[in-house]
């Protein structure tokens, strides 16, 4: 599956292979499912990496709308640890997982959602501040 079925806005964040990455929940909601799909381990910057590489995804429900956050594995990133429980309530900024060695994070939002990104291109962000780098409103 290249992306979840339907119409989505996609935000892709490329992550450095020199760091371990904490994955924050993008919006307060209810966790519906955590799914993993086996695949290849291509470099994350390749266009076909999002549809070919091994990946996991957390599907969360907010006011009847679905948001999917999908950490994709890459050439070096071989492991994603998920802490989210299916059916649990989650809050924006809560850690749902950790990606060991960088790759990429794809976030799929409904067409009407808005995202506000704070930060500057090329600037590093510490894990404790990652949840403040972007906000989602629906």
N, C-alpha and C. Protein backbone atom coordinates (compact mmCIF):
# COMPACT_ATOMS: atom_id res chain seq x y z
N UNK A 1 0.85 -1.17 0.00
CA UNK A 1 0.00 0.00 0.00
C UNK A 1 0.90 1.23 0.00
N UNK A 2 0.81 2.03 -1.03
CA UNK A 2 1.62 3.23 -1.15
C UNK A 2 1.19 4.25 -0.10
N UNK A 3 -0.09 4.45 0.07
CA UNK A 3 -0.64 5.36 1.07
C UNK A 3 -1.99 4.80 1.46
N UNK A 4 -2.55 5.23 2.58
CA UNK A 4 -3.88 4.74 2.95
C UNK A 4 -4.88 5.10 1.85
N UNK A 5 -5.91 4.27 1.64
CA UNK A 5 -6.89 4.58 0.59
C UNK A 5 -7.62 5.89 0.88
N UNK A 6 -8.04 6.56 -0.16
CA UNK A 6 -8.77 7.81 -0.01
C UNK A 6 -7.91 9.02 -0.36
N UNK A 7 -8.43 10.20 -0.03
CA UNK A 7 -7.74 11.45 -0.30
C UNK A 7 -7.07 11.94 0.97
N UNK A 8 -5.78 12.27 0.88
CA UNK A 8 -4.98 12.66 2.05
C UNK A 8 -4.06 13.81 1.70
N UNK A 9 -3.67 14.55 2.73
CA UNK A 9 -2.50 15.43 2.67
C UNK A 9 -1.36 14.61 3.25
N UNK A 10 -0.23 14.60 2.61
CA UNK A 10 0.91 13.83 3.11
C UNK A 10 2.03 14.77 3.51
N UNK A 11 2.55 14.57 4.71
CA UNK A 11 3.72 15.29 5.20
C UNK A 11 4.81 14.25 5.41
N UNK A 12 5.96 14.44 4.78
CA UNK A 12 7.07 13.51 4.94
C UNK A 12 8.23 14.23 5.60
N UNK A 13 8.75 13.62 6.65
CA UNK A 13 9.86 14.17 7.41
C UNK A 13 11.03 13.20 7.28
N UNK A 14 12.15 13.67 6.73
CA UNK A 14 13.33 12.82 6.60
C UNK A 14 14.18 12.97 7.86
N UNK A 15 14.68 11.84 8.35
CA UNK A 15 15.37 11.80 9.63
C UNK A 15 16.83 11.37 9.43
N UNK A 16 17.71 11.95 10.20
CA UNK A 16 19.13 11.67 10.09
C UNK A 16 19.46 10.25 10.56
N UNK A 17 20.33 9.54 9.84
CA UNK A 17 20.74 8.21 10.29
C UNK A 17 21.68 8.26 11.49
N UNK A 18 22.08 9.45 11.89
CA UNK A 18 23.00 9.60 13.01
C UNK A 18 22.28 9.71 14.35
N UNK A 19 20.94 9.65 14.35
CA UNK A 19 20.18 9.85 15.57
C UNK A 19 19.14 8.75 15.77
N UNK A 20 18.70 8.60 17.01
CA UNK A 20 17.53 7.79 17.34
C UNK A 20 16.37 8.77 17.41
N UNK A 21 15.22 8.41 16.87
CA UNK A 21 14.12 9.35 16.76
C UNK A 21 12.91 8.91 17.57
N UNK A 22 12.43 9.83 18.40
CA UNK A 22 11.22 9.62 19.17
C UNK A 22 10.06 10.06 18.28
N UNK A 23 9.04 9.23 18.15
CA UNK A 23 7.90 9.53 17.29
C UNK A 23 6.72 10.02 18.13
N UNK A 24 6.33 11.31 17.98
CA UNK A 24 5.21 11.83 18.77
C UNK A 24 3.87 11.64 18.06
N UNK A 25 2.81 11.51 18.85
CA UNK A 25 1.44 11.48 18.33
C UNK A 25 1.13 12.88 17.81
N UNK A 26 0.59 13.02 16.57
CA UNK A 26 0.37 14.35 16.01
C UNK A 26 -0.86 15.09 16.55
N UNK A 27 -1.84 14.38 17.15
CA UNK A 27 -3.06 15.03 17.63
C UNK A 27 -3.70 14.14 18.69
N UNK A 28 -4.37 14.73 19.67
CA UNK A 28 -5.06 13.94 20.69
C UNK A 28 -6.21 13.18 20.03
N UNK A 29 -6.29 11.88 20.32
CA UNK A 29 -7.26 11.03 19.64
C UNK A 29 -7.31 9.66 20.31
N UNK A 30 -7.98 8.72 19.66
CA UNK A 30 -8.01 7.33 20.10
C UNK A 30 -7.22 6.49 19.10
N UNK A 31 -6.30 5.69 19.60
CA UNK A 31 -5.51 4.81 18.75
C UNK A 31 -6.39 3.65 18.29
N UNK A 32 -6.48 3.45 16.98
CA UNK A 32 -7.31 2.35 16.46
C UNK A 32 -6.49 1.11 16.15
N UNK A 33 -5.32 1.29 15.58
CA UNK A 33 -4.56 0.11 15.16
C UNK A 33 -3.09 0.46 14.97
N UNK A 34 -2.25 -0.53 15.16
CA UNK A 34 -0.83 -0.47 14.82
C UNK A 34 -0.58 -1.61 13.87
N UNK A 35 -0.11 -1.30 12.68
CA UNK A 35 0.09 -2.33 11.65
C UNK A 35 1.52 -2.28 11.14
N UNK A 36 2.05 -3.44 10.80
CA UNK A 36 3.39 -3.54 10.21
C UNK A 36 3.29 -4.28 8.89
N UNK A 37 4.01 -3.79 7.89
CA UNK A 37 4.05 -4.42 6.56
C UNK A 37 5.50 -4.69 6.21
N UNK A 38 5.86 -5.96 5.95
CA UNK A 38 7.24 -6.26 5.57
C UNK A 38 7.59 -5.66 4.21
N UNK A 39 8.86 -5.46 3.96
CA UNK A 39 9.29 -4.91 2.67
C UNK A 39 10.80 -4.80 2.60
N UNK A 40 11.25 -3.98 1.67
CA UNK A 40 12.67 -3.79 1.42
C UNK A 40 13.25 -2.75 2.38
N UNK A 41 14.53 -2.43 2.22
CA UNK A 41 15.21 -1.42 3.04
C UNK A 41 15.99 -0.48 2.12
N UNK A 42 15.27 0.22 1.24
CA UNK A 42 15.88 1.17 0.31
C UNK A 42 16.18 2.48 1.04
N UNK A 43 17.10 3.30 0.53
CA UNK A 43 17.33 4.62 1.13
C UNK A 43 16.02 5.42 1.17
N UNK A 44 15.75 6.08 2.27
CA UNK A 44 14.47 6.77 2.49
C UNK A 44 14.20 7.88 1.49
N UNK A 45 15.24 8.48 0.92
CA UNK A 45 15.03 9.59 -0.01
C UNK A 45 14.53 9.14 -1.37
N UNK A 46 14.60 7.86 -1.67
CA UNK A 46 14.12 7.36 -2.97
C UNK A 46 12.61 7.49 -3.06
N UNK A 47 12.13 7.84 -4.23
CA UNK A 47 10.70 8.05 -4.42
C UNK A 47 9.89 6.79 -4.13
N UNK A 48 10.42 5.62 -4.47
CA UNK A 48 9.67 4.38 -4.26
C UNK A 48 9.84 3.80 -2.86
N UNK A 49 10.62 4.44 -1.99
CA UNK A 49 10.82 3.92 -0.63
C UNK A 49 9.51 3.88 0.16
N UNK A 50 8.65 4.87 -0.02
CA UNK A 50 7.39 4.91 0.72
C UNK A 50 6.45 3.77 0.40
N UNK A 51 6.57 3.19 -0.79
CA UNK A 51 5.69 2.08 -1.16
C UNK A 51 6.40 0.73 -1.09
N UNK A 52 7.73 0.72 -1.01
CA UNK A 52 8.50 -0.51 -1.08
C UNK A 52 9.07 -0.95 0.27
N UNK A 53 9.50 0.01 1.09
CA UNK A 53 10.20 -0.33 2.32
C UNK A 53 9.27 -0.92 3.38
N UNK A 54 9.88 -1.67 4.29
CA UNK A 54 9.15 -2.15 5.45
C UNK A 54 8.68 -0.95 6.26
N UNK A 55 7.47 -1.02 6.77
CA UNK A 55 6.93 0.11 7.51
C UNK A 55 5.87 -0.34 8.50
N UNK A 56 5.63 0.53 9.44
CA UNK A 56 4.56 0.35 10.42
C UNK A 56 3.70 1.59 10.35
N UNK A 57 2.57 1.54 10.99
CA UNK A 57 1.73 2.73 11.02
C UNK A 57 0.76 2.69 12.17
N UNK A 58 0.55 3.84 12.78
CA UNK A 58 -0.46 3.96 13.82
C UNK A 58 -1.64 4.70 13.20
N UNK A 59 -2.82 4.12 13.32
CA UNK A 59 -4.05 4.71 12.81
C UNK A 59 -4.79 5.25 14.01
N UNK A 60 -5.05 6.55 14.01
CA UNK A 60 -5.75 7.17 15.14
C UNK A 60 -7.01 7.87 14.64
N UNK A 61 -8.01 7.91 15.50
CA UNK A 61 -9.31 8.46 15.17
C UNK A 61 -9.53 9.73 16.00
N UNK A 62 -9.85 10.84 15.31
CA UNK A 62 -10.10 12.12 15.97
C UNK A 62 -11.40 12.70 15.41
N UNK A 63 -12.42 12.77 16.25
CA UNK A 63 -13.72 13.32 15.83
C UNK A 63 -14.23 12.71 14.52
N UNK A 64 -14.12 11.39 14.40
CA UNK A 64 -14.62 10.70 13.22
C UNK A 64 -13.70 10.74 12.01
N UNK A 65 -12.53 11.33 12.13
CA UNK A 65 -11.58 11.38 11.02
C UNK A 65 -10.33 10.59 11.40
N UNK A 66 -9.72 9.97 10.39
CA UNK A 66 -8.53 9.14 10.61
C UNK A 66 -7.27 9.89 10.24
N UNK A 67 -6.24 9.70 11.05
CA UNK A 67 -4.89 10.21 10.78
C UNK A 67 -3.97 9.00 10.87
N UNK A 68 -3.01 8.91 9.96
CA UNK A 68 -2.05 7.81 9.97
C UNK A 68 -0.65 8.40 10.09
N UNK A 69 0.11 7.93 11.07
CA UNK A 69 1.52 8.29 11.21
C UNK A 69 2.31 7.01 10.93
N UNK A 70 3.21 7.08 9.94
CA UNK A 70 3.87 5.87 9.47
C UNK A 70 5.38 6.03 9.45
N UNK A 71 6.08 5.48 10.45
CA UNK A 71 7.54 5.46 10.39
C UNK A 71 7.99 4.38 9.40
N UNK A 72 8.74 4.78 8.38
CA UNK A 72 9.22 3.85 7.36
C UNK A 72 10.67 3.51 7.63
N UNK A 73 11.01 2.24 7.48
CA UNK A 73 12.39 1.83 7.62
C UNK A 73 13.16 2.24 6.37
N UNK A 74 14.48 2.23 6.47
CA UNK A 74 15.31 2.60 5.34
C UNK A 74 16.54 1.72 5.26
N UNK A 75 17.55 2.25 4.62
CA UNK A 75 18.79 1.50 4.42
C UNK A 75 19.41 1.07 5.75
N UNK A 76 19.42 1.97 6.74
CA UNK A 76 19.99 1.66 8.05
C UNK A 76 18.93 1.38 9.11
N UNK A 77 17.80 2.05 9.01
CA UNK A 77 16.75 1.92 10.03
C UNK A 77 16.06 0.58 9.85
N UNK A 78 16.27 -0.33 10.77
CA UNK A 78 15.70 -1.66 10.65
C UNK A 78 14.68 -1.96 11.74
N UNK A 79 14.55 -1.06 12.72
CA UNK A 79 13.70 -1.38 13.85
C UNK A 79 12.92 -0.15 14.29
N UNK A 80 11.62 -0.34 14.47
CA UNK A 80 10.74 0.67 15.05
C UNK A 80 10.09 0.03 16.26
N UNK A 81 10.19 0.67 17.39
CA UNK A 81 9.58 0.18 18.62
C UNK A 81 8.31 0.98 18.85
N UNK A 82 7.17 0.30 19.01
CA UNK A 82 5.89 0.98 19.23
C UNK A 82 5.42 0.80 20.66
N UNK A 83 5.03 1.90 21.29
CA UNK A 83 4.50 1.86 22.65
C UNK A 83 2.99 2.04 22.69
N UNK A 84 2.39 2.42 21.58
CA UNK A 84 0.95 2.69 21.56
C UNK A 84 0.17 1.39 21.65
N UNK A 85 -0.93 1.44 22.37
CA UNK A 85 -1.82 0.30 22.52
C UNK A 85 -3.05 0.52 21.67
N UNK A 86 -3.51 -0.51 20.97
CA UNK A 86 -4.73 -0.40 20.19
C UNK A 86 -5.91 -0.05 21.10
N UNK A 87 -6.69 0.94 20.70
CA UNK A 87 -7.86 1.35 21.46
C UNK A 87 -7.59 2.35 22.57
N UNK A 88 -6.34 2.66 22.84
CA UNK A 88 -6.00 3.58 23.93
C UNK A 88 -6.18 5.03 23.49
N UNK A 89 -6.53 5.90 24.43
CA UNK A 89 -6.55 7.33 24.15
C UNK A 89 -5.12 7.84 24.16
N UNK A 90 -4.79 8.66 23.18
CA UNK A 90 -3.44 9.22 23.07
C UNK A 90 -3.53 10.74 23.00
N UNK A 91 -2.50 11.41 23.49
CA UNK A 91 -2.47 12.88 23.48
C UNK A 91 -1.40 13.38 22.53
N UNK A 92 -1.65 14.53 21.94
CA UNK A 92 -0.67 15.15 21.05
C UNK A 92 0.65 15.30 21.80
N UNK A 93 1.72 14.87 21.16
CA UNK A 93 3.04 14.96 21.76
C UNK A 93 3.47 13.72 22.51
N UNK A 94 2.51 12.84 22.88
CA UNK A 94 2.90 11.58 23.54
C UNK A 94 3.78 10.77 22.60
N UNK A 95 4.69 10.03 23.16
CA UNK A 95 5.57 9.18 22.37
C UNK A 95 4.81 7.91 22.00
N UNK A 96 4.74 7.60 20.70
CA UNK A 96 4.13 6.33 20.32
C UNK A 96 5.18 5.33 19.89
N UNK A 97 6.39 5.78 19.66
CA UNK A 97 7.43 4.85 19.27
C UNK A 97 8.78 5.50 19.16
N UNK A 98 9.75 4.66 18.86
CA UNK A 98 11.13 5.09 18.67
C UNK A 98 11.66 4.42 17.41
N UNK A 99 12.32 5.20 16.56
CA UNK A 99 12.92 4.66 15.35
C UNK A 99 14.43 4.68 15.56
N UNK A 100 15.04 3.54 15.43
CA UNK A 100 16.47 3.44 15.66
C UNK A 100 17.21 3.59 14.35
N UNK A 101 18.04 4.59 14.26
CA UNK A 101 18.72 5.04 13.05
C UNK A 101 17.66 5.65 12.13
N UNK A 102 18.00 6.75 11.53
CA UNK A 102 17.03 7.54 10.80
C UNK A 102 16.45 6.89 9.57
N UNK A 103 15.36 7.39 9.15
CA UNK A 103 14.72 7.01 7.90
C UNK A 103 13.75 8.12 7.55
N UNK A 104 12.45 7.85 7.61
CA UNK A 104 11.49 8.90 7.31
C UNK A 104 10.19 8.61 8.03
N UNK A 105 9.44 9.68 8.25
CA UNK A 105 8.13 9.57 8.87
C UNK A 105 7.13 10.18 7.89
N UNK A 106 6.11 9.43 7.53
CA UNK A 106 5.02 9.94 6.70
C UNK A 106 3.81 10.12 7.60
N UNK A 107 3.19 11.30 7.54
CA UNK A 107 1.96 11.56 8.28
C UNK A 107 0.89 11.88 7.25
N UNK A 108 -0.23 11.16 7.31
CA UNK A 108 -1.33 11.35 6.38
C UNK A 108 -2.48 12.01 7.12
N UNK A 109 -2.94 13.15 6.61
CA UNK A 109 -3.99 13.94 7.26
C UNK A 109 -5.18 14.06 6.32
N UNK A 110 -6.40 14.16 6.88
CA UNK A 110 -7.58 14.40 6.04
C UNK A 110 -7.42 15.71 5.27
N UNK A 111 -8.09 15.85 4.12
CA UNK A 111 -7.93 17.04 3.28
C UNK A 111 -8.20 18.36 4.01
N UNK A 112 -9.10 18.40 4.97
CA UNK A 112 -9.44 19.64 5.66
C UNK A 112 -8.54 20.00 6.82
N UNK A 113 -7.62 19.12 7.17
CA UNK A 113 -6.74 19.38 8.31
C UNK A 113 -5.70 20.44 7.95
N UNK A 114 -5.27 21.18 8.95
CA UNK A 114 -4.19 22.14 8.73
C UNK A 114 -3.02 21.76 9.62
N UNK A 115 -1.83 22.03 9.12
CA UNK A 115 -0.63 21.72 9.87
C UNK A 115 0.21 22.98 9.95
N UNK A 116 0.73 23.24 11.13
CA UNK A 116 1.60 24.40 11.34
C UNK A 116 2.97 23.87 11.74
N UNK A 117 3.95 24.18 10.94
CA UNK A 117 5.32 23.73 11.20
C UNK A 117 6.10 24.87 11.81
N UNK A 118 6.77 24.58 12.92
CA UNK A 118 7.64 25.57 13.56
C UNK A 118 9.05 25.04 13.49
N UNK A 119 9.95 25.89 13.15
CA UNK A 119 11.34 25.47 13.03
C UNK A 119 11.91 25.97 11.73
N UNK A 120 13.17 25.69 11.54
CA UNK A 120 13.85 26.16 10.33
C UNK A 120 14.52 25.00 9.64
N UNK A 121 14.58 25.09 8.32
CA UNK A 121 15.22 24.07 7.52
C UNK A 121 16.66 23.86 7.98
N UNK A 122 17.02 22.59 8.13
CA UNK A 122 18.39 22.24 8.49
C UNK A 122 18.69 22.34 9.98
N UNK A 123 17.72 22.73 10.77
CA UNK A 123 17.94 22.89 12.20
C UNK A 123 17.58 21.61 12.94
N UNK A 124 18.42 21.19 13.88
CA UNK A 124 18.14 20.00 14.67
C UNK A 124 17.13 20.33 15.75
N UNK A 125 16.33 19.34 16.11
CA UNK A 125 15.35 19.49 17.17
C UNK A 125 15.54 18.36 18.17
N UNK A 126 15.65 18.69 19.45
CA UNK A 126 15.80 17.68 20.49
C UNK A 126 14.47 16.98 20.71
N UNK A 127 14.52 15.71 21.12
CA UNK A 127 13.31 14.90 21.31
C UNK A 127 12.33 15.57 22.27
N UNK A 128 12.82 16.22 23.29
CA UNK A 128 11.92 16.85 24.26
C UNK A 128 11.14 18.01 23.64
N UNK A 129 11.61 18.54 22.50
CA UNK A 129 10.91 19.65 21.85
C UNK A 129 10.22 19.23 20.55
N UNK A 130 10.36 17.97 20.14
CA UNK A 130 9.83 17.52 18.87
C UNK A 130 8.33 17.73 18.77
N UNK A 131 7.60 17.47 19.85
CA UNK A 131 6.14 17.61 19.80
C UNK A 131 5.71 19.05 19.61
N UNK A 132 6.60 20.03 19.84
CA UNK A 132 6.25 21.43 19.63
C UNK A 132 6.64 21.92 18.24
N UNK A 133 7.25 21.05 17.41
CA UNK A 133 7.70 21.45 16.08
C UNK A 133 6.55 21.58 15.09
N UNK A 134 5.50 20.81 15.29
CA UNK A 134 4.35 20.95 14.41
C UNK A 134 3.09 20.64 15.18
N UNK A 135 2.00 21.24 14.78
CA UNK A 135 0.70 21.00 15.36
C UNK A 135 -0.30 20.73 14.25
N UNK A 136 -1.31 19.93 14.55
CA UNK A 136 -2.35 19.58 13.59
C UNK A 136 -3.67 20.09 14.14
N UNK A 137 -4.46 20.72 13.31
CA UNK A 137 -5.80 21.17 13.70
C UNK A 137 -6.81 20.60 12.73
N UNK A 138 -7.94 20.11 13.27
CA UNK A 138 -8.99 19.56 12.42
C UNK A 138 -10.34 20.05 12.89
